[in-house]
């Protein structure tokens, strides 16, 4: 059996994922408030469905902002060598992906407003079949990873 990938994401990824969770929680609470207002006006669902939605919204908000980011960070690992990119991720179901470097078509770095706030970027690895992502690397590491995968892919292409 293969050894575990050795590289972890930076701990600032937890902060970025928590902020993202807070934004989703606000949207969820906004939808819940609309349902409650509809019920109070008499045109919405019965009161017990609002209570159920409220409990679900509270549970999801707590999980998305406290528990899930830490678990996600603990599980995420990656490793890159001249033959493949090895990704391990997942919270409840651990998924392991090996991407042959010779199948890589291009590599991108991506940075949205939340990642930019924390100086993080994601690396997207595209093959003919799909796109894989290493999320929330610090900007310098993301550039190094992108360049490393690109160089390995170029060397693999020359070997063919």
Protein backbone atom coordinates (compact mmCIF):
# COMPACT_ATOMS: atom_id res chain seq x y z
CA UNK A 1 0.00 0.00 0.00
CA UNK A 2 1.17 3.52 -0.76
CA UNK A 3 2.35 5.85 1.93
CA UNK A 4 0.30 8.93 2.72
CA UNK A 5 1.05 12.15 0.82
CA UNK A 6 3.37 14.26 2.94
CA UNK A 7 2.33 17.88 2.22
CA UNK A 8 -0.43 19.63 4.14
CA UNK A 9 -2.34 22.79 3.38
CA UNK A 10 -1.44 25.86 5.46
CA UNK A 11 -3.50 26.40 8.61
CA UNK A 12 -4.80 29.69 7.23
CA UNK A 13 -7.00 27.53 4.98
CA UNK A 14 -9.14 26.87 8.08
CA UNK A 15 -9.80 30.61 8.45
CA UNK A 16 -10.73 30.95 4.78
CA UNK A 17 -13.09 27.97 4.95
CA UNK A 18 -14.66 29.33 8.15
CA UNK A 19 -15.33 32.67 6.48
CA UNK A 20 -16.86 30.85 3.52
CA UNK A 21 -19.00 28.83 5.97
CA UNK A 22 -20.17 32.05 7.65
CA UNK A 23 -21.25 33.47 4.30
CA UNK A 24 -23.22 30.31 3.48
CA UNK A 25 -24.75 30.36 6.98
CA UNK A 26 -25.93 33.96 6.47
CA UNK A 27 -27.59 32.96 3.20
CA UNK A 28 -29.20 29.96 4.90
CA UNK A 29 -30.50 32.14 7.77
CA UNK A 30 -31.86 34.67 5.27
CA UNK A 31 -33.86 31.90 3.56
CA UNK A 32 -35.05 30.67 6.96
CA UNK A 33 -36.18 34.20 7.89
CA UNK A 34 -38.18 34.42 4.66
CA UNK A 35 -39.95 31.15 5.49
CA UNK A 36 -40.77 32.41 8.99
CA UNK A 37 -42.16 35.67 7.58
CA UNK A 38 -44.32 33.75 5.12
CA UNK A 39 -45.65 31.60 7.96
CA UNK A 40 -46.41 34.65 10.12
CA UNK A 41 -48.36 36.20 7.25
CA UNK A 42 -50.38 33.02 6.87
CA UNK A 43 -49.17 32.11 3.40
CA UNK A 44 -46.29 29.84 4.27
CA UNK A 45 -45.80 26.35 5.61
CA UNK A 46 -46.99 25.28 9.09
CA UNK A 47 -44.99 26.57 12.10
CA UNK A 48 -43.37 23.22 12.82
CA UNK A 49 -41.64 23.22 9.43
CA UNK A 50 -40.14 26.60 10.31
CA UNK A 51 -38.90 25.15 13.59
CA UNK A 52 -37.39 22.18 11.75
CA UNK A 53 -35.74 24.45 9.17
CA UNK A 54 -34.40 26.63 12.01
CA UNK A 55 -32.86 23.65 13.80
CA UNK A 56 -31.33 22.42 10.52
CA UNK A 57 -30.00 25.92 9.76
CA UNK A 58 -28.45 26.16 13.21
CA UNK A 59 -26.85 22.71 12.92
CA UNK A 60 -25.49 23.37 9.43
CA UNK A 61 -24.21 26.81 10.48
CA UNK A 62 -22.33 25.39 13.45
CA UNK A 63 -20.85 22.55 11.41
CA UNK A 64 -19.87 24.78 8.47
CA UNK A 65 -18.17 27.38 10.63
CA UNK A 66 -16.48 25.32 13.35
CA UNK A 67 -16.20 21.57 12.79
CA UNK A 68 -15.95 21.04 9.03
CA UNK A 69 -13.08 23.45 8.23
CA UNK A 70 -10.83 21.84 10.85
CA UNK A 71 -11.70 18.31 9.75
CA UNK A 72 -11.22 19.24 6.10
CA UNK A 73 -7.79 20.68 6.87
CA UNK A 74 -6.72 17.60 8.86
CA UNK A 75 -7.65 15.25 5.99
CA UNK A 76 -6.25 17.21 3.04
CA UNK A 77 -2.80 16.14 1.83
CA UNK A 78 -0.96 16.19 -1.46
CA UNK A 79 2.33 15.10 -2.98
CA UNK A 80 3.89 15.78 -6.35
CA UNK A 81 6.64 13.83 -8.08
CA UNK A 82 7.83 13.39 -11.65
CA UNK A 83 5.29 10.62 -12.33
CA UNK A 84 2.06 11.66 -10.57
CA UNK A 85 0.18 14.05 -8.36
CA UNK A 86 -1.26 12.29 -5.29
CA UNK A 87 -4.27 13.91 -3.59
CA UNK A 88 -5.99 12.71 -0.41
CA UNK A 89 -9.11 14.45 0.85
CA UNK A 90 -12.50 13.92 2.41
CA UNK A 91 -14.15 14.23 5.78
CA UNK A 92 -16.32 11.16 6.14
CA UNK A 93 -15.30 9.37 2.96
CA UNK A 94 -11.57 9.61 2.30
CA UNK A 95 -10.84 9.93 -1.41
CA UNK A 96 -7.41 9.27 -2.88
CA UNK A 97 -6.66 10.44 -6.43
CA UNK A 98 -3.52 9.74 -8.44
CA UNK A 99 -3.11 11.99 -11.47
CA UNK A 100 -0.48 10.77 -13.95
CA UNK A 101 1.68 13.76 -14.86
CA UNK A 102 1.75 12.69 -18.52
CA UNK A 103 -2.06 13.19 -18.61
CA UNK A 104 -1.94 16.79 -17.38
CA UNK A 105 -3.06 19.25 -20.06
CA UNK A 106 -2.66 22.47 -18.11
CA UNK A 107 -2.31 23.82 -14.59
CA UNK A 108 -3.91 27.03 -13.27
CA UNK A 109 -3.81 28.98 -10.05
CA UNK A 110 -7.12 30.48 -8.91
CA UNK A 111 -7.86 33.06 -6.25
CA UNK A 112 -11.26 34.35 -5.22
CA UNK A 113 -11.89 37.20 -2.78
CA UNK A 114 -11.89 34.99 0.34
CA UNK A 115 -8.63 33.24 -0.58
CA UNK A 116 -7.08 36.58 -1.57
CA UNK A 117 -7.92 38.00 1.89
CA UNK A 118 -5.75 35.27 3.47
CA UNK A 119 -2.99 35.23 0.81
CA UNK A 120 -4.07 31.83 -0.53
CA UNK A 121 -4.58 30.36 -4.00
CA UNK A 122 -5.91 27.09 -5.37
CA UNK A 123 -4.10 25.03 -7.98
CA UNK A 124 -6.35 23.49 -10.65
CA UNK A 125 -4.91 20.51 -12.54
CA UNK A 126 -6.75 19.75 -15.77
CA UNK A 127 -6.63 16.43 -17.62
CA UNK A 128 -8.72 15.34 -20.61
CA UNK A 129 -11.25 13.78 -18.23
CA UNK A 130 -11.65 16.34 -15.44
CA UNK A 131 -10.14 19.08 -13.31
CA UNK A 132 -8.65 18.37 -9.89
CA UNK A 133 -7.89 21.04 -7.33
CA UNK A 134 -5.48 21.55 -4.48
CA UNK A 135 -7.31 24.20 -2.45
CA UNK A 136 -5.96 27.01 -0.32
CA UNK A 137 -2.18 26.91 -0.71
CA UNK A 138 -0.28 30.05 0.21
CA UNK A 139 0.41 32.11 -2.92
CA UNK A 140 4.12 31.32 -3.14
CA UNK A 141 3.58 27.58 -2.67
CA UNK A 142 0.75 27.60 -5.23
CA UNK A 143 3.07 29.16 -7.82
CA UNK A 144 5.79 26.60 -7.03
CA UNK A 145 3.33 23.69 -7.24
CA UNK A 146 1.90 24.97 -10.54
CA UNK A 147 5.37 25.37 -12.04
CA UNK A 148 6.55 22.01 -10.72
CA UNK A 149 3.57 20.13 -12.20
CA UNK A 150 3.96 22.01 -15.48
CA UNK A 151 7.67 21.14 -15.69
CA UNK A 152 7.02 17.47 -14.88
CA UNK A 153 4.25 17.36 -17.51
CA UNK A 154 6.57 18.90 -20.11
CA UNK A 155 9.29 16.35 -19.31
CA UNK A 156 6.77 13.47 -19.48
CA UNK A 157 5.59 14.74 -22.86
CA UNK A 158 9.17 14.82 -24.18
CA UNK A 159 9.70 11.21 -23.04
CA UNK A 160 6.79 9.97 -25.16
